[in-house]
């Protein structure tokens, strides 16, 4: 999937992508399937941060980040997702707990 494909998709399709990438990275990190220890630690930190919000909020975060970074659209989408969440979790307005998990679909 390209950034253009993602942005042209329906909200449900974007939710599916976001949830799938989030779940995959989380599982890989928990199972120790990411060989690079620094990347594994970063993925764990990002997924721990993102678990505090709904899939709708994850989709909005990623979509906004993509729209603000068109110069990076040639990169692989899962890497862009990590970059977006890293920016959000580490940024001046980090994701805050909303009383729902990332698995919720509103």
C-alpha atoms as a PDB file:
ATOM      1  CA  UNK A   1       0.000   0.000   0.000  1.00  0.00           C
ATOM      2  CA  UNK A   2       1.289   3.443  -0.876  1.00  0.00           C
ATOM      3  CA  UNK A   3       0.590   6.675   0.988  1.00  0.00           C
ATOM      4  CA  UNK A   4      -1.686   7.730  -1.886  1.00  0.00           C
ATOM      5  CA  UNK A   5      -3.630   4.446  -1.629  1.00  0.00           C
ATOM      6  CA  UNK A   6      -3.963   4.881   2.116  1.00  0.00           C
ATOM      7  CA  UNK A   7      -5.182   8.474   1.893  1.00  0.00           C
ATOM      8  CA  UNK A   8      -7.695   7.604  -0.829  1.00  0.00           C
ATOM      9  CA  UNK A   9      -9.057   4.673   1.191  1.00  0.00           C
ATOM     10  CA  UNK A  10     -12.197   4.763   3.300  1.00  0.00           C
ATOM     11  CA  UNK A  11     -11.925   5.371   7.015  1.00  0.00           C
ATOM     12  CA  UNK A  12     -12.579   1.659   7.620  1.00  0.00           C
ATOM     13  CA  UNK A  13      -9.714   0.726   5.273  1.00  0.00           C
ATOM     14  CA  UNK A  14      -7.406   3.171   7.065  1.00  0.00           C
ATOM     15  CA  UNK A  15      -8.494   1.740  10.431  1.00  0.00           C
ATOM     16  CA  UNK A  16      -7.666  -1.745   9.147  1.00  0.00           C
ATOM     17  CA  UNK A  17      -4.209  -0.694   8.022  1.00  0.00           C
ATOM     18  CA  UNK A  18      -3.437   1.156  11.256  1.00  0.00           C
ATOM     19  CA  UNK A  19      -4.704  -1.659  13.477  1.00  0.00           C
ATOM     20  CA  UNK A  20      -2.841  -4.286  11.453  1.00  0.00           C
ATOM     21  CA  UNK A  21       0.488  -2.474  11.548  1.00  0.00           C
ATOM     22  CA  UNK A  22       0.093  -1.629  15.235  1.00  0.00           C
ATOM     23  CA  UNK A  23      -0.761  -5.245  16.130  1.00  0.00           C
ATOM     24  CA  UNK A  24       2.062  -6.647  13.995  1.00  0.00           C
ATOM     25  CA  UNK A  25       4.749  -4.390  15.449  1.00  0.00           C
ATOM     26  CA  UNK A  26       3.477  -5.005  18.973  1.00  0.00           C
ATOM     27  CA  UNK A  27       3.520  -8.770  18.531  1.00  0.00           C
ATOM     28  CA  UNK A  28       6.954  -8.752  16.916  1.00  0.00           C
ATOM     29  CA  UNK A  29       8.402  -6.691  19.760  1.00  0.00           C
ATOM     30  CA  UNK A  30       6.773  -8.808  22.494  1.00  0.00           C
ATOM     31  CA  UNK A  31       8.002 -12.030  20.871  1.00  0.00           C
ATOM     32  CA  UNK A  32      11.536 -10.696  20.371  1.00  0.00           C
ATOM     33  CA  UNK A  33      11.275 -10.939  16.574  1.00  0.00           C
ATOM     34  CA  UNK A  34      12.926  -7.556  15.982  1.00  0.00           C
ATOM     35  CA  UNK A  35      16.650  -8.319  15.879  1.00  0.00           C
ATOM     36  CA  UNK A  36      17.898  -4.754  16.411  1.00  0.00           C
ATOM     37  CA  UNK A  37      17.670  -4.079  20.176  1.00  0.00           C
ATOM     38  CA  UNK A  38      17.335  -0.316  19.677  1.00  0.00           C
ATOM     39  CA  UNK A  39      14.497  -0.749  17.186  1.00  0.00           C
ATOM     40  CA  UNK A  40      12.847  -3.299  19.465  1.00  0.00           C
ATOM     41  CA  UNK A  41      12.993  -0.857  22.391  1.00  0.00           C
ATOM     42  CA  UNK A  42      11.631   1.953  20.221  1.00  0.00           C
ATOM     43  CA  UNK A  43       8.755  -0.202  18.966  1.00  0.00           C
ATOM     44  CA  UNK A  44       7.929  -1.268  22.529  1.00  0.00           C
ATOM     45  CA  UNK A  45       7.867   2.356  23.662  1.00  0.00           C
ATOM     46  CA  UNK A  46       5.666   3.427  20.775  1.00  0.00           C
ATOM     47  CA  UNK A  47       3.208   0.566  21.130  1.00  0.00           C
ATOM     48  CA  UNK A  48       3.035   1.123  24.909  1.00  0.00           C
ATOM     49  CA  UNK A  49       2.218   4.772  24.240  1.00  0.00           C
ATOM     50  CA  UNK A  50      -0.334   4.041  21.522  1.00  0.00           C
ATOM     51  CA  UNK A  51      -2.227   1.378  23.481  1.00  0.00           C
ATOM     52  CA  UNK A  52      -3.778   4.231  25.458  1.00  0.00           C
ATOM     53  CA  UNK A  53      -5.938   5.412  22.553  1.00  0.00           C
ATOM     54  CA  UNK A  54      -8.601   4.150  20.157  1.00  0.00           C
ATOM     55  CA  UNK A  55      -7.913   2.962  16.626  1.00  0.00           C
ATOM     56  CA  UNK A  56      -9.776   6.069  15.460  1.00  0.00           C
ATOM     57  CA  UNK A  57      -7.223   8.280  17.232  1.00  0.00           C
ATOM     58  CA  UNK A  58      -4.355   6.234  15.793  1.00  0.00           C
ATOM     59  CA  UNK A  59      -5.820   6.631  12.295  1.00  0.00           C
ATOM     60  CA  UNK A  60      -6.243  10.383  12.777  1.00  0.00           C
ATOM     61  CA  UNK A  61      -2.682  10.713  14.083  1.00  0.00           C
ATOM     62  CA  UNK A  62      -1.216   8.752  11.176  1.00  0.00           C
ATOM     63  CA  UNK A  63      -3.364  10.449   8.529  1.00  0.00           C
ATOM     64  CA  UNK A  64      -2.474  13.931   9.810  1.00  0.00           C
ATOM     65  CA  UNK A  65       1.208  13.030   9.953  1.00  0.00           C
ATOM     66  CA  UNK A  66       1.137  11.671   6.383  1.00  0.00           C
ATOM     67  CA  UNK A  67      -0.583  14.791   5.096  1.00  0.00           C
ATOM     68  CA  UNK A  68       2.105  16.916   6.781  1.00  0.00           C
ATOM     69  CA  UNK A  69       5.008  14.866   5.382  1.00  0.00           C
ATOM     70  CA  UNK A  70       4.409  14.301   1.643  1.00  0.00           C
ATOM     71  CA  UNK A  71       8.172  14.296   1.033  1.00  0.00           C
ATOM     72  CA  UNK A  72       8.363  10.908   2.805  1.00  0.00           C
ATOM     73  CA  UNK A  73       5.573   9.138   0.892  1.00  0.00           C
ATOM     74  CA  UNK A  74       8.115   7.092  -1.074  1.00  0.00           C
ATOM     75  CA  UNK A  75       9.111   5.245   2.121  1.00  0.00           C
ATOM     76  CA  UNK A  76       7.508   2.011   3.292  1.00  0.00           C
ATOM     77  CA  UNK A  77       4.182   2.567   5.033  1.00  0.00           C
ATOM     78  CA  UNK A  78       4.922   0.555   8.209  1.00  0.00           C
ATOM     79  CA  UNK A  79       8.060   2.667   8.756  1.00  0.00           C
ATOM     80  CA  UNK A  80       6.029   5.828   8.233  1.00  0.00           C
ATOM     81  CA  UNK A  81       3.513   4.601  10.804  1.00  0.00           C
ATOM     82  CA  UNK A  82       6.312   4.189  13.356  1.00  0.00           C
ATOM     83  CA  UNK A  83       7.668   7.644  12.526  1.00  0.00           C
ATOM     84  CA  UNK A  84       4.213   9.182  12.988  1.00  0.00           C
ATOM     85  CA  UNK A  85       3.639   7.500  16.335  1.00  0.00           C
ATOM     86  CA  UNK A  86       7.147   8.274  17.494  1.00  0.00           C
ATOM     87  CA  UNK A  87       6.582  11.948  16.693  1.00  0.00           C
ATOM     88  CA  UNK A  88       3.242  11.904  18.499  1.00  0.00           C
ATOM     89  CA  UNK A  89       4.379   9.942  21.560  1.00  0.00           C
ATOM     90  CA  UNK A  90       7.598  11.894  22.004  1.00  0.00           C
ATOM     91  CA  UNK A  91       6.293  15.257  20.847  1.00  0.00           C
ATOM     92  CA  UNK A  92       5.019  18.253  22.790  1.00  0.00           C
ATOM     93  CA  UNK A  93       1.465  16.799  22.933  1.00  0.00           C
ATOM     94  CA  UNK A  94       1.989  13.087  23.559  1.00  0.00           C
ATOM     95  CA  UNK A  95      -0.910  10.685  23.250  1.00  0.00           C
ATOM     96  CA  UNK A  96      -2.741  10.582  26.560  1.00  0.00           C
ATOM     97  CA  UNK A  97      -4.904   7.828  27.999  1.00  0.00           C
ATOM     98  CA  UNK A  98      -8.509   8.097  26.878  1.00  0.00           C
ATOM     99  CA  UNK A  99      -9.867   5.121  28.802  1.00  0.00           C
ATOM    100  CA  UNK A 100      -9.863   2.913  25.697  1.00  0.00           C
ATOM    101  CA  UNK A 101      -7.402   0.543  24.119  1.00  0.00           C
ATOM    102  CA  UNK A 102      -6.031   0.733  20.596  1.00  0.00           C
ATOM    103  CA  UNK A 103      -8.134  -2.300  19.758  1.00  0.00           C
ATOM    104  CA  UNK A 104     -11.368  -0.341  20.150  1.00  0.00           C
ATOM    105  CA  UNK A 105     -12.976   0.617  16.877  1.00  0.00           C
ATOM    106  CA  UNK A 106     -15.498   3.231  18.004  1.00  0.00           C
END
